[in-house]
């Protein structure tokens, strides 16, 4: 079972993912968390740092060199279904900036690889952000996306078994984004999306949420603004996962019984 978190920047997706994993471990349940290697934050896990006398512990140097490193890595990849999927999504929602186009193509390829692996396991796999968030980023970094474009891209993207949307008031997101920027150096801030662009993701998230529901997908809204809301949200998700597990087990038993009895 694949579960996917989505929501605007700084809403707390990664924090929530780890909290849910810890809760599941306490109850003896297996939940694997796949935390995204976001292109705006660090080098892809598949691309080791290249040292040429540079201090790679400096985040600014990593950010400046990353586009070149990722472009080289992308050229070395063989063409496969993952590459075609990235090209297709980028064609529907093309970023205005070539650097972001390269970063996101590389990111989609790595996400697809992780998704393929998660699809083949029996336990719950939680992505702190995946294809819904990718579509939001593509729309945000492009020349705007109407609902028809988002619908086309969403129909082409892999789907989770359960979607969890995290929400927070705009003022909370703004304060968190400002705090994040205050902990970054001047060059890092230049390479980040600005506050206005980040906050503009919420209407896009709203559209994607609406499209998912129209297509009959399971979407749960949760809050994690404080300890109490986090606990309540974790309780709601655990209850939903338990229900889905029971349903899946019943369906599996019914299928097995049909197989054993055979046709009448």
Protein backbone atom coordinates (compact mmCIF):
# COMPACT_ATOMS: atom_id res chain seq x y z
CA UNK A 1 0.00 0.00 0.00
CA UNK A 2 1.37 3.41 -0.98
CA UNK A 3 0.43 6.51 1.00
CA UNK A 4 1.35 9.98 -0.25
CA UNK A 5 1.47 13.27 1.63
CA UNK A 6 0.95 16.56 -0.16
CA UNK A 7 0.51 20.21 0.72
CA UNK A 8 2.15 23.63 0.36
CA UNK A 9 5.81 24.24 1.27
CA UNK A 10 6.56 24.38 5.01
CA UNK A 11 3.28 22.71 5.96
CA UNK A 12 5.20 19.94 7.76
CA UNK A 13 5.00 16.94 5.43
CA UNK A 14 8.32 15.37 6.42
CA UNK A 15 7.73 16.01 10.13
CA UNK A 16 4.31 14.38 9.89
CA UNK A 17 5.72 11.40 7.98
CA UNK A 18 8.27 10.66 10.70
CA UNK A 19 5.67 11.14 13.45
CA UNK A 20 3.32 8.66 11.77
CA UNK A 21 6.14 6.14 11.31
CA UNK A 22 7.08 6.44 14.99
CA UNK A 23 3.44 5.95 16.02
CA UNK A 24 3.12 2.84 13.84
CA UNK A 25 6.35 1.38 15.25
CA UNK A 26 4.99 1.84 18.79
CA UNK A 27 1.94 -0.23 17.88
CA UNK A 28 4.05 -2.91 16.20
CA UNK A 29 3.01 -2.00 12.66
CA UNK A 30 5.45 -1.73 9.77
CA UNK A 31 5.47 1.55 7.88
CA UNK A 32 8.36 2.52 5.64
CA UNK A 33 8.99 6.23 5.13
CA UNK A 34 10.59 7.44 1.91
CA UNK A 35 11.71 11.03 2.44
CA UNK A 36 12.15 12.92 -0.80
CA UNK A 37 15.53 14.19 -1.94
CA UNK A 38 14.08 17.48 -3.07
CA UNK A 39 15.94 19.15 -5.95
CA UNK A 40 15.80 22.49 -4.17
CA UNK A 41 17.54 21.18 -1.07
CA UNK A 42 20.35 18.74 -1.76
CA UNK A 43 22.06 16.55 -4.30
CA UNK A 44 20.20 13.42 -5.38
CA UNK A 45 21.14 10.33 -3.40
CA UNK A 46 22.24 8.69 -6.67
CA UNK A 47 24.71 11.49 -7.43
CA UNK A 48 27.72 11.49 -5.09
CA UNK A 49 29.47 14.81 -4.37
CA UNK A 50 32.41 15.51 -6.69
CA UNK A 51 35.40 16.93 -4.85
CA UNK A 52 37.82 19.19 -6.67
CA UNK A 53 39.30 21.04 -3.74
CA UNK A 54 35.89 22.57 -2.97
CA UNK A 55 34.29 22.57 0.46
CA UNK A 56 31.16 20.50 -0.26
CA UNK A 57 29.98 21.08 3.30
CA UNK A 58 29.08 24.58 2.12
CA UNK A 59 25.39 24.52 1.10
CA UNK A 60 25.85 27.46 -1.28
CA UNK A 61 28.55 25.63 -3.28
CA UNK A 62 26.34 22.56 -3.48
CA UNK A 63 23.43 24.63 -4.77
CA UNK A 64 25.55 26.37 -7.41
CA UNK A 65 27.17 23.15 -8.67
CA UNK A 66 24.13 20.88 -8.52
CA UNK A 67 22.58 21.76 -11.92
CA UNK A 68 25.78 20.78 -13.73
CA UNK A 69 26.16 17.54 -11.76
CA UNK A 70 22.53 16.60 -12.35
CA UNK A 71 22.77 17.37 -16.07
CA UNK A 72 25.76 15.02 -16.40
CA UNK A 73 23.94 12.30 -14.43
CA UNK A 74 20.85 12.69 -16.59
CA UNK A 75 22.85 12.26 -19.80
CA UNK A 76 24.28 9.01 -18.43
CA UNK A 77 20.85 7.48 -17.72
CA UNK A 78 19.53 4.98 -20.20
CA UNK A 79 16.18 5.70 -21.77
CA UNK A 80 13.40 3.69 -20.09
CA UNK A 81 9.80 4.04 -18.95
CA UNK A 82 10.81 6.30 -16.07
CA UNK A 83 12.58 8.68 -18.43
CA UNK A 84 9.58 8.71 -20.77
CA UNK A 85 7.24 9.42 -17.83
CA UNK A 86 9.35 12.41 -16.81
CA UNK A 87 9.42 13.75 -20.37
CA UNK A 88 5.65 13.34 -20.68
CA UNK A 89 4.88 15.26 -17.49
CA UNK A 90 7.40 17.98 -18.39
CA UNK A 91 5.78 18.31 -21.80
CA UNK A 92 2.33 18.84 -20.28
CA UNK A 93 3.59 21.26 -17.61
CA UNK A 94 6.93 22.66 -18.86
CA UNK A 95 8.96 24.78 -16.39
CA UNK A 96 10.03 28.21 -17.64
CA UNK A 97 13.60 27.72 -16.41
CA UNK A 98 15.91 25.15 -18.04
CA UNK A 99 17.73 24.50 -14.76
CA UNK A 100 14.49 23.61 -13.00
CA UNK A 101 13.51 21.47 -15.97
CA UNK A 102 16.71 19.44 -15.56
CA UNK A 103 16.31 19.18 -11.80
CA UNK A 104 12.70 18.06 -11.97
CA UNK A 105 13.33 15.56 -14.73
CA UNK A 106 16.05 13.99 -12.61
CA UNK A 107 13.79 14.08 -9.56
CA UNK A 108 10.85 12.44 -11.37
CA UNK A 109 13.16 9.68 -12.64
CA UNK A 110 14.40 8.91 -9.11
CA UNK A 111 10.88 9.13 -7.68
CA UNK A 112 9.64 6.67 -10.31
CA UNK A 113 12.39 4.23 -9.38
CA UNK A 114 11.43 4.42 -5.69
CA UNK A 115 7.74 4.09 -6.64
CA UNK A 116 8.38 0.91 -8.63
CA UNK A 117 10.07 -0.66 -5.62
CA UNK A 118 7.32 0.46 -3.22
CA UNK A 119 4.67 -1.06 -5.49
CA UNK A 120 6.18 -4.49 -5.02
CA UNK A 121 6.20 -4.73 -1.22
CA UNK A 122 3.45 -5.94 1.13
CA UNK A 123 3.82 -3.33 3.89
CA UNK A 124 2.74 0.33 3.90
CA UNK A 125 5.13 2.76 2.21
CA UNK A 126 4.71 6.45 2.97
CA UNK A 127 6.11 9.14 0.66
CA UNK A 128 6.47 12.51 2.36
CA UNK A 129 5.78 13.91 -1.09
CA UNK A 130 5.50 12.30 -4.50
CA UNK A 131 3.71 12.82 -7.80
CA UNK A 132 0.98 15.21 -6.61
CA UNK A 133 3.70 17.45 -5.21
CA UNK A 134 5.67 17.11 -8.45
CA UNK A 135 2.67 18.35 -10.43
CA UNK A 136 2.29 21.27 -8.04
CA UNK A 137 5.96 22.17 -8.53
CA UNK A 138 5.67 21.91 -12.32
CA UNK A 139 2.62 24.17 -12.35
CA UNK A 140 4.28 26.59 -9.95
CA UNK A 141 7.48 26.81 -12.00
CA UNK A 142 5.73 26.98 -15.36
CA UNK A 143 3.72 29.69 -17.01
CA UNK A 144 0.66 28.75 -15.02
CA UNK A 145 -1.54 25.71 -15.34
CA UNK A 146 -5.28 25.59 -15.85
CA UNK A 147 -7.40 22.76 -14.51
CA UNK A 148 -7.41 20.93 -17.84
CA UNK A 149 -3.59 20.77 -17.93
CA UNK A 150 -3.42 19.61 -14.33
CA UNK A 151 -6.05 16.95 -15.08
CA UNK A 152 -4.05 15.63 -18.04
CA UNK A 153 -0.86 15.46 -16.00
CA UNK A 154 -2.64 13.86 -13.03
CA UNK A 155 -4.17 11.18 -15.25
CA UNK A 156 -0.68 10.30 -16.56
CA UNK A 157 0.97 10.19 -13.12
CA UNK A 158 1.05 7.09 -10.86
CA UNK A 159 -1.59 7.10 -8.09
CA UNK A 160 -1.28 6.31 -4.41
CA UNK A 161 -3.72 4.08 -2.53
CA UNK A 162 -4.29 6.89 -0.04
CA UNK A 163 -3.59 10.63 -0.22
CA UNK A 164 -3.08 12.74 2.89
CA UNK A 165 -3.27 16.50 2.50
CA UNK A 166 -1.67 18.65 5.19
CA UNK A 167 -3.16 22.10 5.72
CA UNK A 168 -2.09 25.20 7.63
CA UNK A 169 -3.22 28.83 7.62
CA UNK A 170 -1.37 31.14 5.24
CA UNK A 171 0.12 33.14 8.12
CA UNK A 172 1.60 29.98 9.63
CA UNK A 173 3.14 28.96 6.30
CA UNK A 174 4.52 32.45 5.81
CA UNK A 175 6.14 32.49 9.25
CA UNK A 176 7.68 29.06 8.72
CA UNK A 177 9.04 30.03 5.30
CA UNK A 178 10.54 33.23 6.74
CA UNK A 179 12.14 31.24 9.55
CA UNK A 180 13.56 28.78 7.01
CA UNK A 181 15.04 31.63 4.99
CA UNK A 182 16.61 33.15 8.12
CA UNK A 183 18.62 29.97 8.60
CA UNK A 184 20.01 30.08 5.06
CA UNK A 185 22.94 32.00 3.64
CA UNK A 186 22.55 34.81 1.11
CA UNK A 187 23.41 32.64 -1.91
CA UNK A 188 21.05 29.87 -0.78
CA UNK A 189 18.22 32.36 -0.47
CA UNK A 190 18.91 33.55 -4.02
CA UNK A 191 18.53 29.97 -5.27
CA UNK A 192 15.28 29.29 -3.39
CA UNK A 193 11.83 30.12 -4.61
CA UNK A 194 10.70 33.40 -3.14
CA UNK A 195 8.03 33.70 -0.47
CA UNK A 196 5.32 34.84 -2.87
CA UNK A 197 5.92 31.91 -5.24
CA UNK A 198 5.89 29.38 -2.41
CA UNK A 199 2.62 30.74 -1.03
CA UNK A 200 1.11 30.62 -4.54
CA UNK A 201 1.24 26.82 -4.36
CA UNK A 202 -1.89 26.62 -2.16
CA UNK A 203 -4.42 27.33 -4.98
CA UNK A 204 -2.67 24.70 -7.12
CA UNK A 205 -2.90 22.20 -4.26
CA UNK A 206 -6.61 23.03 -4.01
CA UNK A 207 -7.10 22.22 -7.71
CA UNK A 208 -5.21 18.92 -7.45
CA UNK A 209 -7.19 17.98 -4.34
CA UNK A 210 -10.44 18.65 -6.21
CA UNK A 211 -9.32 16.59 -9.22
CA UNK A 212 -8.31 13.64 -7.03
CA UNK A 213 -11.71 13.61 -5.34
CA UNK A 214 -13.53 13.90 -8.65
CA UNK A 215 -11.70 10.78 -9.78
CA UNK A 216 -12.76 8.86 -6.69
CA UNK A 217 -9.40 8.76 -4.91
CA UNK A 218 -9.19 8.66 -1.12
CA UNK A 219 -8.02 12.02 0.27
CA UNK A 220 -7.80 12.80 3.99
CA UNK A 221 -7.22 16.35 5.28
CA UNK A 222 -5.14 16.69 8.45
CA UNK A 223 -3.55 19.44 10.53
CA UNK A 224 -0.29 19.40 12.51
CA UNK A 225 -0.16 22.93 13.88
CA UNK A 226 0.47 21.89 17.48
CA UNK A 227 0.83 18.72 19.55
CA UNK A 228 -2.89 18.19 20.00
CA UNK A 229 -3.75 18.60 16.30
CA UNK A 230 -0.83 16.33 15.42
CA UNK A 231 -2.09 13.62 17.79
CA UNK A 232 -5.64 13.92 16.44
CA UNK A 233 -4.38 13.71 12.86
CA UNK A 234 -2.22 10.68 13.60
CA UNK A 235 -5.19 8.95 15.26
CA UNK A 236 -7.34 9.59 12.19
CA UNK A 237 -4.71 8.23 9.79
CA UNK A 238 -4.04 5.15 11.91
CA UNK A 239 -7.77 4.42 12.02
CA UNK A 240 -7.98 4.75 8.23
CA UNK A 241 -4.95 2.52 7.65
CA UNK A 242 -6.43 -0.11 9.97
CA UNK A 243 -9.74 -0.02 8.06
CA UNK A 244 -7.98 -0.33 4.70
CA UNK A 245 -5.89 -3.22 6.01
CA UNK A 246 -9.00 -5.09 7.14
CA UNK A 247 -10.71 -4.53 3.79
CA UNK A 248 -7.60 -5.66 1.90
CA UNK A 249 -7.36 -8.78 4.08
CA UNK A 250 -11.02 -9.65 3.47
CA UNK A 251 -10.63 -9.19 -0.27
CA UNK A 252 -7.50 -11.34 -0.24
CA UNK A 253 -9.26 -14.11 1.70
CA UNK A 254 -12.26 -13.98 -0.63
CA UNK A 255 -10.03 -14.26 -3.68
CA UNK A 256 -8.13 -17.16 -2.14
CA UNK A 257 -11.38 -18.96 -1.31
CA UNK A 258 -12.66 -18.51 -4.89
CA UNK A 259 -9.37 -19.91 -6.15
CA UNK A 260 -9.54 -22.98 -3.90
CA UNK A 261 -13.22 -23.74 -4.62
CA UNK A 262 -12.97 -23.10 -8.32
CA UNK A 263 -15.89 -22.39 -10.61
CA UNK A 264 -19.21 -24.18 -9.98
